[in-house]
Amino acid sequence: MDNKLRIYIGFDSKEVVAYHVLVQSILEHSSVPVEFTPIVLSNLGGIFTRERNALQSTEFSFSRFLVPYLSGYQGWSMFMDCDMLARADLAELWALRDDKYAVMCVKHDYQPKIETKFLGQTQTKYEKKNWSSVMLFNNAKCTALTQDYVNTATGLQLHQFKWLESDDLIGGLPVQWNYLVNEYDYDETAKIVHFTDGGPYFEEYKNDDYAQEWFDARERMLHVTQRTG
C-alpha cells in the first residue's frame, strides 16, 4: 500500500481548475505510482453531513479530516489543499513518513499579512493556521477522527489537532513542502507552493509568485497532440 502515493485533494466547486492543475503538476514530477481521491462534497452523501460554517473558506475545510476514515484507518495517506502546485517529486515527501507520529505537517508560525483573501472571504487567524493544508496521516493513529467526530467537532478542534492526545504526536515537515505564496518571500527551492491568499486563476492573484509556473502547468494539462493522416 505504501509503495504508491495515496493522495486526497480538497475539491472546491469555485476552484475546479485548481484540482486538475495540481494533479498535473504532481504527475509530471512523480517517480512512483500515484492514487488520487478528490474530496468532493457531492460524493460524500451520508458520510459528511455538517452544514457549511460561515468561516469556511473552502468546501473541504472540515471534510479533509475524513481522510483516515476514508482510508479505512490503514497505512498512510496524504492530504493537500487544491490551491497548490507541486514543483518536486512528492515521493521525497512520502519518504519522510515516521511511524512515531499520528500526523505530519509543516508547522507554520506566522500572522497573515492580509485581512481578506479570495472572493472577499475573511482571513481568519488562529494558532496552527495552515498546518492542516498539507498533512501526512498515519491512519491507524488517527482513529479519533471518526465520521461522527468530523461532523460535530468545532473548526478549531479539527484544525488545531485537538483530537490527538498530545502535540508530541504531530511531526514537523520542512517548510518547502507547504510554502505559502506572498506570506513567504520567493524561494526557488520551494517544493509545494500554496496560493493560500488566492490562486492565479483569480484575476487579482494572476501576477503572484509562481503564478506563471501554474499557468504553464495548466497549458500542459490542456495540451492535445492532433492525429494526422
C-alpha atoms as a PDB file:
ATOM      1  CA  MET A   1       0.000   0.000   0.000  1.00  0.00           C
ATOM      2  CA  ASP A   2       2.844   2.395   0.810  1.00  0.00           C
ATOM      3  CA  ASN A   3       4.723   1.771  -2.460  1.00  0.00           C
ATOM      4  CA  LYS A   4       2.446   4.315  -4.110  1.00  0.00           C
ATOM      5  CA  LEU A   5       1.381   7.805  -3.147  1.00  0.00           C
ATOM      6  CA  ARG A   6      -2.156   7.842  -1.799  1.00  0.00           C
ATOM      7  CA  ILE A   7      -3.212  11.474  -2.115  1.00  0.00           C
ATOM      8  CA  TYR A   8      -6.521  13.054  -1.149  1.00  0.00           C
ATOM      9  CA  ILE A   9      -7.064  16.542  -2.544  1.00  0.00           C
ATOM     10  CA  GLY A  10      -9.654  19.041  -1.420  1.00  0.00           C
ATOM     11  CA  PHE A  11     -12.054  19.908  -4.240  1.00  0.00           C
ATOM     12  CA  ASP A  12     -13.999  23.180  -4.370  1.00  0.00           C
ATOM     13  CA  SER A  13     -16.654  23.898  -6.991  1.00  0.00           C
ATOM     14  CA  LYS A  14     -15.403  27.507  -7.209  1.00  0.00           C
ATOM     15  CA  GLU A  15     -11.850  26.347  -7.998  1.00  0.00           C
ATOM     16  CA  VAL A  16     -12.335  23.312 -10.247  1.00  0.00           C
ATOM     17  CA  VAL A  17      -9.326  24.134 -12.412  1.00  0.00           C
ATOM     18  CA  ALA A  18      -7.095  24.194  -9.309  1.00  0.00           C
ATOM     19  CA  TYR A  19      -7.609  20.491  -8.626  1.00  0.00           C
ATOM     20  CA  HIS A  20      -6.728  19.449 -12.159  1.00  0.00           C
ATOM     21  CA  VAL A  21      -3.609  21.617 -12.424  1.00  0.00           C
ATOM     22  CA  LEU A  22      -2.348  20.337  -9.083  1.00  0.00           C
ATOM     23  CA  VAL A  23      -2.833  16.747 -10.252  1.00  0.00           C
ATOM     24  CA  GLN A  24      -0.963  17.571 -13.469  1.00  0.00           C
ATOM     25  CA  SER A  25       1.976  19.037 -11.560  1.00  0.00           C
ATOM     26  CA  ILE A  26       2.151  16.021  -9.225  1.00  0.00           C
ATOM     27  CA  LEU A  27       2.101  13.552 -12.117  1.00  0.00           C
ATOM     28  CA  GLU A  28       4.809  15.426 -14.002  1.00  0.00           C
ATOM     29  CA  HIS A  29       7.245  15.143 -11.108  1.00  0.00           C
ATOM     30  CA  SER A  30       6.337  11.811  -9.522  1.00  0.00           C
ATOM     31  CA  SER A  31       8.755   8.894  -9.757  1.00  0.00           C
ATOM     32  CA  VAL A  32       6.243   6.425  -8.266  1.00  0.00           C
ATOM     33  CA  PRO A  33       2.592   5.492  -8.941  1.00  0.00           C
ATOM     34  CA  VAL A  34       0.014   7.949  -7.593  1.00  0.00           C
ATOM     35  CA  GLU A  35      -3.566   7.323  -6.486  1.00  0.00           C
ATOM     36  CA  PHE A  36      -5.755  10.440  -6.367  1.00  0.00           C
ATOM     37  CA  THR A  37      -9.011  10.865  -4.451  1.00  0.00           C
ATOM     38  CA  PRO A  38     -10.730  14.246  -4.724  1.00  0.00           C
ATOM     39  CA  ILE A  39     -12.735  15.149  -1.629  1.00  0.00           C
ATOM     40  CA  VAL A  40     -15.941  16.337  -3.295  1.00  0.00           C
ATOM     41  CA  LEU A  41     -18.902  17.125  -1.051  1.00  0.00           C
ATOM     42  CA  SER A  42     -21.424  15.714  -3.536  1.00  0.00           C
ATOM     43  CA  ASN A  43     -19.573  12.373  -3.329  1.00  0.00           C
ATOM     44  CA  LEU A  44     -19.911  12.235   0.464  1.00  0.00           C
ATOM     45  CA  GLY A  45     -23.668  11.922   0.849  1.00  0.00           C
ATOM     46  CA  GLY A  46     -24.491  10.275   4.163  1.00  0.00           C
ATOM     47  CA  ILE A  47     -20.839  10.473   5.246  1.00  0.00           C
ATOM     48  CA  PHE A  48     -20.248  14.192   5.647  1.00  0.00           C
ATOM     49  CA  THR A  49     -23.416  15.803   6.957  1.00  0.00           C
ATOM     50  CA  ARG A  50     -22.440  19.022   8.714  1.00  0.00           C
ATOM     51  CA  GLU A  51     -23.759  22.323   7.401  1.00  0.00           C
ATOM     52  CA  ARG A  52     -21.366  24.866   5.988  1.00  0.00           C
ATOM     53  CA  ASN A  53     -19.912  27.292   8.507  1.00  0.00           C
ATOM     54  CA  ALA A  54     -19.720  30.984   7.595  1.00  0.00           C
ATOM     55  CA  LEU A  55     -15.983  30.991   8.375  1.00  0.00           C
ATOM     56  CA  GLN A  56     -15.192  28.184   5.919  1.00  0.00           C
ATOM     57  CA  SER A  57     -13.105  29.473   3.037  1.00  0.00           C
ATOM     58  CA  THR A  58     -13.407  26.221   1.060  1.00  0.00           C
ATOM     59  CA  GLU A  59     -15.865  23.364   0.713  1.00  0.00           C
ATOM     60  CA  PHE A  60     -13.282  20.965   2.148  1.00  0.00           C
ATOM     61  CA  SER A  61     -12.369  22.979   5.250  1.00  0.00           C
ATOM     62  CA  PHE A  62     -13.678  20.215   7.526  1.00  0.00           C
ATOM     63  CA  SER A  63     -14.182  17.232   5.217  1.00  0.00           C
ATOM     64  CA  ARG A  64     -10.381  16.911   4.862  1.00  0.00           C
ATOM     65  CA  PHE A  65     -10.357  15.260   8.278  1.00  0.00           C
ATOM     66  CA  LEU A  66     -12.286  12.301   6.874  1.00  0.00           C
ATOM     67  CA  VAL A  67      -9.102  11.077   5.152  1.00  0.00           C
ATOM     68  CA  PRO A  68      -8.228   8.439   7.818  1.00  0.00           C
ATOM     69  CA  TYR A  69     -11.856   7.222   7.808  1.00  0.00           C
ATOM     70  CA  LEU A  70     -11.910   7.048   4.005  1.00  0.00           C
ATOM     71  CA  SER A  71      -8.594   5.170   4.156  1.00  0.00           C
ATOM     72  CA  GLY A  72     -10.038   2.537   6.470  1.00  0.00           C
ATOM     73  CA  TYR A  73      -7.568   3.691   9.134  1.00  0.00           C
ATOM     74  CA  GLN A  74      -4.860   1.726   7.336  1.00  0.00           C
ATOM     75  CA  GLY A  75      -1.443   2.728   6.064  1.00  0.00           C
ATOM     76  CA  TRP A  76      -0.524   6.324   5.335  1.00  0.00           C
ATOM     77  CA  SER A  77      -2.424   8.931   3.307  1.00  0.00           C
ATOM     78  CA  MET A  78      -1.565  12.441   2.202  1.00  0.00           C
ATOM     79  CA  PHE A  79      -3.955  15.386   2.117  1.00  0.00           C
ATOM     80  CA  MET A  80      -3.425  18.570   0.113  1.00  0.00           C
ATOM     81  CA  ASP A  81      -5.452  21.717  -0.492  1.00  0.00           C
ATOM     82  CA  CYS A  82      -6.251  22.183  -4.179  1.00  0.00           C
ATOM     83  CA  ASP A  83      -4.729  25.683  -4.453  1.00  0.00           C
ATOM     84  CA  MET A  84      -1.206  24.327  -4.702  1.00  0.00           C
ATOM     85  CA  LEU A  85       1.431  23.469  -7.280  1.00  0.00           C
ATOM     86  CA  ALA A  86       3.959  20.661  -6.973  1.00  0.00           C
ATOM     87  CA  ARG A  87       7.481  21.670  -8.021  1.00  0.00           C
ATOM     88  CA  ALA A  88       9.226  18.473  -6.900  1.00  0.00           C
ATOM     89  CA  ASP A  89       8.737  14.719  -6.643  1.00  0.00           C
ATOM     90  CA  LEU A  90       6.232  14.037  -3.847  1.00  0.00           C
ATOM     91  CA  ALA A  91       7.915  10.664  -3.339  1.00  0.00           C
ATOM     92  CA  GLU A  92      10.506  12.722  -1.430  1.00  0.00           C
ATOM     93  CA  LEU A  93       7.785  13.955   0.911  1.00  0.00           C
ATOM     94  CA  TRP A  94       6.269  10.466   1.194  1.00  0.00           C
ATOM     95  CA  ALA A  95       9.685   9.165   2.274  1.00  0.00           C
ATOM     96  CA  LEU A  96       9.575  11.416   5.347  1.00  0.00           C
ATOM     97  CA  ARG A  97       6.815   9.337   6.971  1.00  0.00           C
ATOM     98  CA  ASP A  98       7.678   8.436  10.563  1.00  0.00           C
ATOM     99  CA  ASP A  99       5.555   5.875  12.405  1.00  0.00           C
ATOM    100  CA  LYS A 100       6.061   7.530  15.782  1.00  0.00           C
ATOM    101  CA  TYR A 101       3.716  10.331  14.689  1.00  0.00           C
ATOM    102  CA  ALA A 102      -0.023  10.334  14.056  1.00  0.00           C
ATOM    103  CA  VAL A 103       0.166  13.188  11.573  1.00  0.00           C
ATOM    104  CA  MET A 104       2.956  15.188   9.971  1.00  0.00           C
ATOM    105  CA  CYS A 105       2.770  18.721   8.588  1.00  0.00           C
ATOM    106  CA  VAL A 106       4.643  21.984   8.146  1.00  0.00           C
ATOM    107  CA  LYS A 107       4.386  23.801  11.465  1.00  0.00           C
ATOM    108  CA  HIS A 108       3.859  27.356  10.211  1.00  0.00           C
ATOM    109  CA  ASP A 109       4.350  30.180  12.699  1.00  0.00           C
ATOM    110  CA  TYR A 110       3.133  33.381  11.091  1.00  0.00           C
ATOM    111  CA  GLN A 111       0.482  36.083  11.121  1.00  0.00           C
ATOM    112  CA  PRO A 112      -1.351  36.527   7.774  1.00  0.00           C
ATOM    113  CA  LYS A 113      -0.368  39.749   6.014  1.00  0.00           C
ATOM    114  CA  ILE A 114      -3.855  40.388   4.626  1.00  0.00           C
ATOM    115  CA  GLU A 115      -7.325  40.693   6.157  1.00  0.00           C
ATOM    116  CA  THR A 116      -9.295  39.473   3.142  1.00  0.00           C
ATOM    117  CA  LYS A 117      -8.485  36.688   0.685  1.00  0.00           C
ATOM    118  CA  PHE A 118     -10.039  35.277  -2.492  1.00  0.00           C
ATOM    119  CA  LEU A 119     -13.706  36.039  -3.249  1.00  0.00           C
ATOM    120  CA  GLY A 120     -13.780  38.576  -0.412  1.00  0.00           C
ATOM    121  CA  GLN A 121     -13.509  35.995   2.346  1.00  0.00           C
ATOM    122  CA  THR A 122     -12.231  36.999   5.775  1.00  0.00           C
ATOM    123  CA  GLN A 123      -8.714  35.836   6.560  1.00  0.00           C
ATOM    124  CA  THR A 124      -9.211  34.056   9.881  1.00  0.00           C
ATOM    125  CA  LYS A 125      -6.282  33.986  12.295  1.00  0.00           C
ATOM    126  CA  TYR A 126      -5.716  31.156  14.743  1.00  0.00           C
ATOM    127  CA  GLU A 127      -2.978  29.024  16.257  1.00  0.00           C
ATOM    128  CA  LYS A 128      -1.614  26.343  13.903  1.00  0.00           C
ATOM    129  CA  LYS A 129      -3.076  28.133  10.874  1.00  0.00           C
ATOM    130  CA  ASN A 130      -2.356  26.296   7.614  1.00  0.00           C
ATOM    131  CA  TRP A 131      -0.838  23.294   9.389  1.00  0.00           C
ATOM    132  CA  SER A 132      -3.704  21.195   8.021  1.00  0.00           C
ATOM    133  CA  SER A 133      -3.317  22.249   4.377  1.00  0.00           C
ATOM    134  CA  VAL A 134      -0.715  19.524   3.753  1.00  0.00           C
ATOM    135  CA  MET A 135      -0.910  16.518   6.060  1.00  0.00           C
ATOM    136  CA  LEU A 136       0.599  13.063   6.141  1.00  0.00           C
ATOM    137  CA  PHE A 137      -1.848  10.894   8.091  1.00  0.00           C
ATOM    138  CA  ASN A 138      -0.631   7.759   9.886  1.00  0.00           C
ATOM    139  CA  ASN A 139      -4.176   6.465   9.653  1.00  0.00           C
ATOM    140  CA  ALA A 140      -4.050   3.800  12.375  1.00  0.00           C
ATOM    141  CA  LYS A 141      -3.149   6.519  14.891  1.00  0.00           C
ATOM    142  CA  CYS A 142      -5.979   8.806  13.763  1.00  0.00           C
ATOM    143  CA  THR A 143      -8.942   6.670  14.850  1.00  0.00           C
ATOM    144  CA  ALA A 144     -10.276   9.606  16.894  1.00  0.00           C
ATOM    145  CA  LEU A 145     -11.279  11.131  13.544  1.00  0.00           C
ATOM    146  CA  THR A 146     -14.481   9.161  13.297  1.00  0.00           C
ATOM    147  CA  GLN A 147     -17.253  10.145  10.940  1.00  0.00           C
ATOM    148  CA  ASP A 148     -19.261  11.450  13.894  1.00  0.00           C
ATOM    149  CA  TYR A 149     -16.363  13.478  15.293  1.00  0.00           C
ATOM    150  CA  VAL A 150     -15.605  15.149  11.963  1.00  0.00           C
ATOM    151  CA  ASN A 151     -19.285  16.026  11.580  1.00  0.00           C
ATOM    152  CA  THR A 152     -19.637  17.549  15.066  1.00  0.00           C
ATOM    153  CA  ALA A 153     -16.282  18.899  16.257  1.00  0.00           C
ATOM    154  CA  THR A 154     -15.577  22.621  16.076  1.00  0.00           C
ATOM    155  CA  GLY A 155     -13.298  24.016  13.417  1.00  0.00           C
ATOM    156  CA  LEU A 156     -10.582  24.768  15.955  1.00  0.00           C
ATOM    157  CA  GLN A 157     -10.799  21.275  17.443  1.00  0.00           C
ATOM    158  CA  LEU A 158     -10.129  19.861  13.997  1.00  0.00           C
ATOM    159  CA  HIS A 159      -7.544  22.306  12.650  1.00  0.00           C
ATOM    160  CA  GLN A 160      -5.630  22.580  15.925  1.00  0.00           C
ATOM    161  CA  PHE A 161      -5.392  18.783  16.206  1.00  0.00           C
ATOM    162  CA  LYS A 162      -7.328  18.646  19.492  1.00  0.00           C
ATOM    163  CA  TRP A 163      -8.288  15.089  18.509  1.00  0.00           C
ATOM    164  CA  LEU A 164      -4.771  13.988  19.403  1.00  0.00           C
ATOM    165  CA  GLU A 165      -3.766  13.211  22.983  1.00  0.00           C
ATOM    166  CA  SER A 166      -0.660  15.346  22.650  1.00  0.00           C
ATOM    167  CA  ASP A 167       1.042  17.729  20.242  1.00  0.00           C
ATOM    168  CA  ASP A 168       4.003  15.355  20.517  1.00  0.00           C
ATOM    169  CA  LEU A 169       2.119  13.179  18.004  1.00  0.00           C
ATOM    170  CA  ILE A 170       2.449  15.924  15.359  1.00  0.00           C
ATOM    171  CA  GLY A 171       5.644  15.544  13.336  1.00  0.00           C
ATOM    172  CA  GLY A 172       7.209  18.501  11.567  1.00  0.00           C
ATOM    173  CA  LEU A 173       7.989  18.765   7.851  1.00  0.00           C
ATOM    174  CA  PRO A 174      10.368  21.208   6.114  1.00  0.00           C
ATOM    175  CA  VAL A 175       8.615  24.447   5.131  1.00  0.00           C
ATOM    176  CA  GLN A 176       9.450  23.819   1.454  1.00  0.00           C
ATOM    177  CA  TRP A 177       6.644  21.214   1.420  1.00  0.00           C
ATOM    178  CA  ASN A 178       3.944  23.823   2.069  1.00  0.00           C
ATOM    179  CA  TYR A 179       5.396  27.149   1.007  1.00  0.00           C
ATOM    180  CA  LEU A 180       2.907  29.979   1.468  1.00  0.00           C
ATOM    181  CA  VAL A 181       2.869  32.304  -1.536  1.00  0.00           C
ATOM    182  CA  ASN A 182       3.022  36.023  -0.578  1.00  0.00           C
ATOM    183  CA  GLU A 183       3.307  35.173   3.117  1.00  0.00           C
ATOM    184  CA  TYR A 184       6.886  33.992   2.484  1.00  0.00           C
ATOM    185  CA  ASP A 185       9.417  35.554   0.104  1.00  0.00           C
ATOM    186  CA  TYR A 186      10.035  33.838  -3.221  1.00  0.00           C
ATOM    187  CA  ASP A 187      12.214  30.747  -2.823  1.00  0.00           C
ATOM    188  CA  GLU A 188      13.354  28.706  -5.784  1.00  0.00           C
ATOM    189  CA  THR A 189      13.739  25.647  -3.528  1.00  0.00           C
ATOM    190  CA  ALA A 190      10.024  25.550  -2.609  1.00  0.00           C
ATOM    191  CA  LYS A 191       8.709  22.056  -3.410  1.00  0.00           C
ATOM    192  CA  ILE A 192       4.961  22.637  -2.947  1.00  0.00           C
ATOM    193  CA  VAL A 193       3.768  26.216  -3.300  1.00  0.00           C
ATOM    194  CA  HIS A 194       0.459  27.110  -1.702  1.00  0.00           C
ATOM    195  CA  PHE A 195      -1.573  30.005  -3.114  1.00  0.00           C
ATOM    196  CA  THR A 196      -3.263  30.440   0.243  1.00  0.00           C
ATOM    197  CA  ASP A 197      -4.493  34.011  -0.387  1.00  0.00           C
ATOM    198  CA  GLY A 198      -5.931  33.098  -3.786  1.00  0.00           C
ATOM    199  CA  GLY A 199      -4.854  31.118  -6.826  1.00  0.00           C
ATOM    200  CA  PRO A 200      -3.630  32.614 -10.131  1.00  0.00           C
ATOM    201  CA  TYR A 201      -6.999  31.658 -11.649  1.00  0.00           C
ATOM    202  CA  PHE A 202      -8.447  34.652  -9.773  1.00  0.00           C
ATOM    203  CA  GLU A 203      -7.718  37.935 -11.556  1.00  0.00           C
ATOM    204  CA  GLU A 204      -6.192  39.716  -8.573  1.00  0.00           C
ATOM    205  CA  TYR A 205      -3.597  36.974  -7.993  1.00  0.00           C
ATOM    206  CA  LYS A 206      -2.543  36.228 -11.577  1.00  0.00           C
ATOM    207  CA  ASN A 207       0.824  38.002 -11.160  1.00  0.00           C
ATOM    208  CA  ASP A 208       1.816  36.495  -7.808  1.00  0.00           C
ATOM    209  CA  ASP A 209       4.999  34.492  -7.269  1.00  0.00           C
ATOM    210  CA  TYR A 210       4.945  31.127  -9.069  1.00  0.00           C
ATOM    211  CA  ALA A 211       1.792  32.132 -10.989  1.00  0.00           C
ATOM    212  CA  GLN A 212       3.433  31.726 -14.392  1.00  0.00           C
ATOM    213  CA  GLU A 213       4.532  28.214 -13.430  1.00  0.00           C
ATOM    214  CA  TRP A 214       0.900  27.452 -12.598  1.00  0.00           C
ATOM    215  CA  PHE A 215      -0.287  28.787 -15.979  1.00  0.00           C
ATOM    216  CA  ASP A 216       2.390  26.747 -17.746  1.00  0.00           C
ATOM    217  CA  ALA A 217       1.182  23.607 -15.965  1.00  0.00           C
ATOM    218  CA  ARG A 218      -2.387  24.422 -16.983  1.00  0.00           C
ATOM    219  CA  GLU A 219      -1.323  24.674 -20.620  1.00  0.00           C
ATOM    220  CA  ARG A 220       0.401  21.304 -20.441  1.00  0.00           C
ATOM    221  CA  MET A 221      -2.731  19.832 -18.856  1.00  0.00           C
ATOM    222  CA  LEU A 222      -4.803  21.112 -21.788  1.00  0.00           C
ATOM    223  CA  HIS A 223      -2.369  20.000 -24.475  1.00  0.00           C
ATOM    224  CA  VAL A 224      -3.616  17.581 -27.110  1.00  0.00           C
ATOM    225  CA  THR A 225      -1.499  16.159 -29.931  1.00  0.00           C
ATOM    226  CA  GLN A 226      -3.606  16.173 -33.053  1.00  0.00           C
ATOM    227  CA  ARG A 227      -3.734  12.980 -35.062  1.00  0.00           C
ATOM    228  CA  THR A 228      -2.639  13.221 -38.675  1.00  0.00           C
ATOM    229  CA  GLY A 229      -3.244  11.023 -41.670  1.00  0.00           C
END
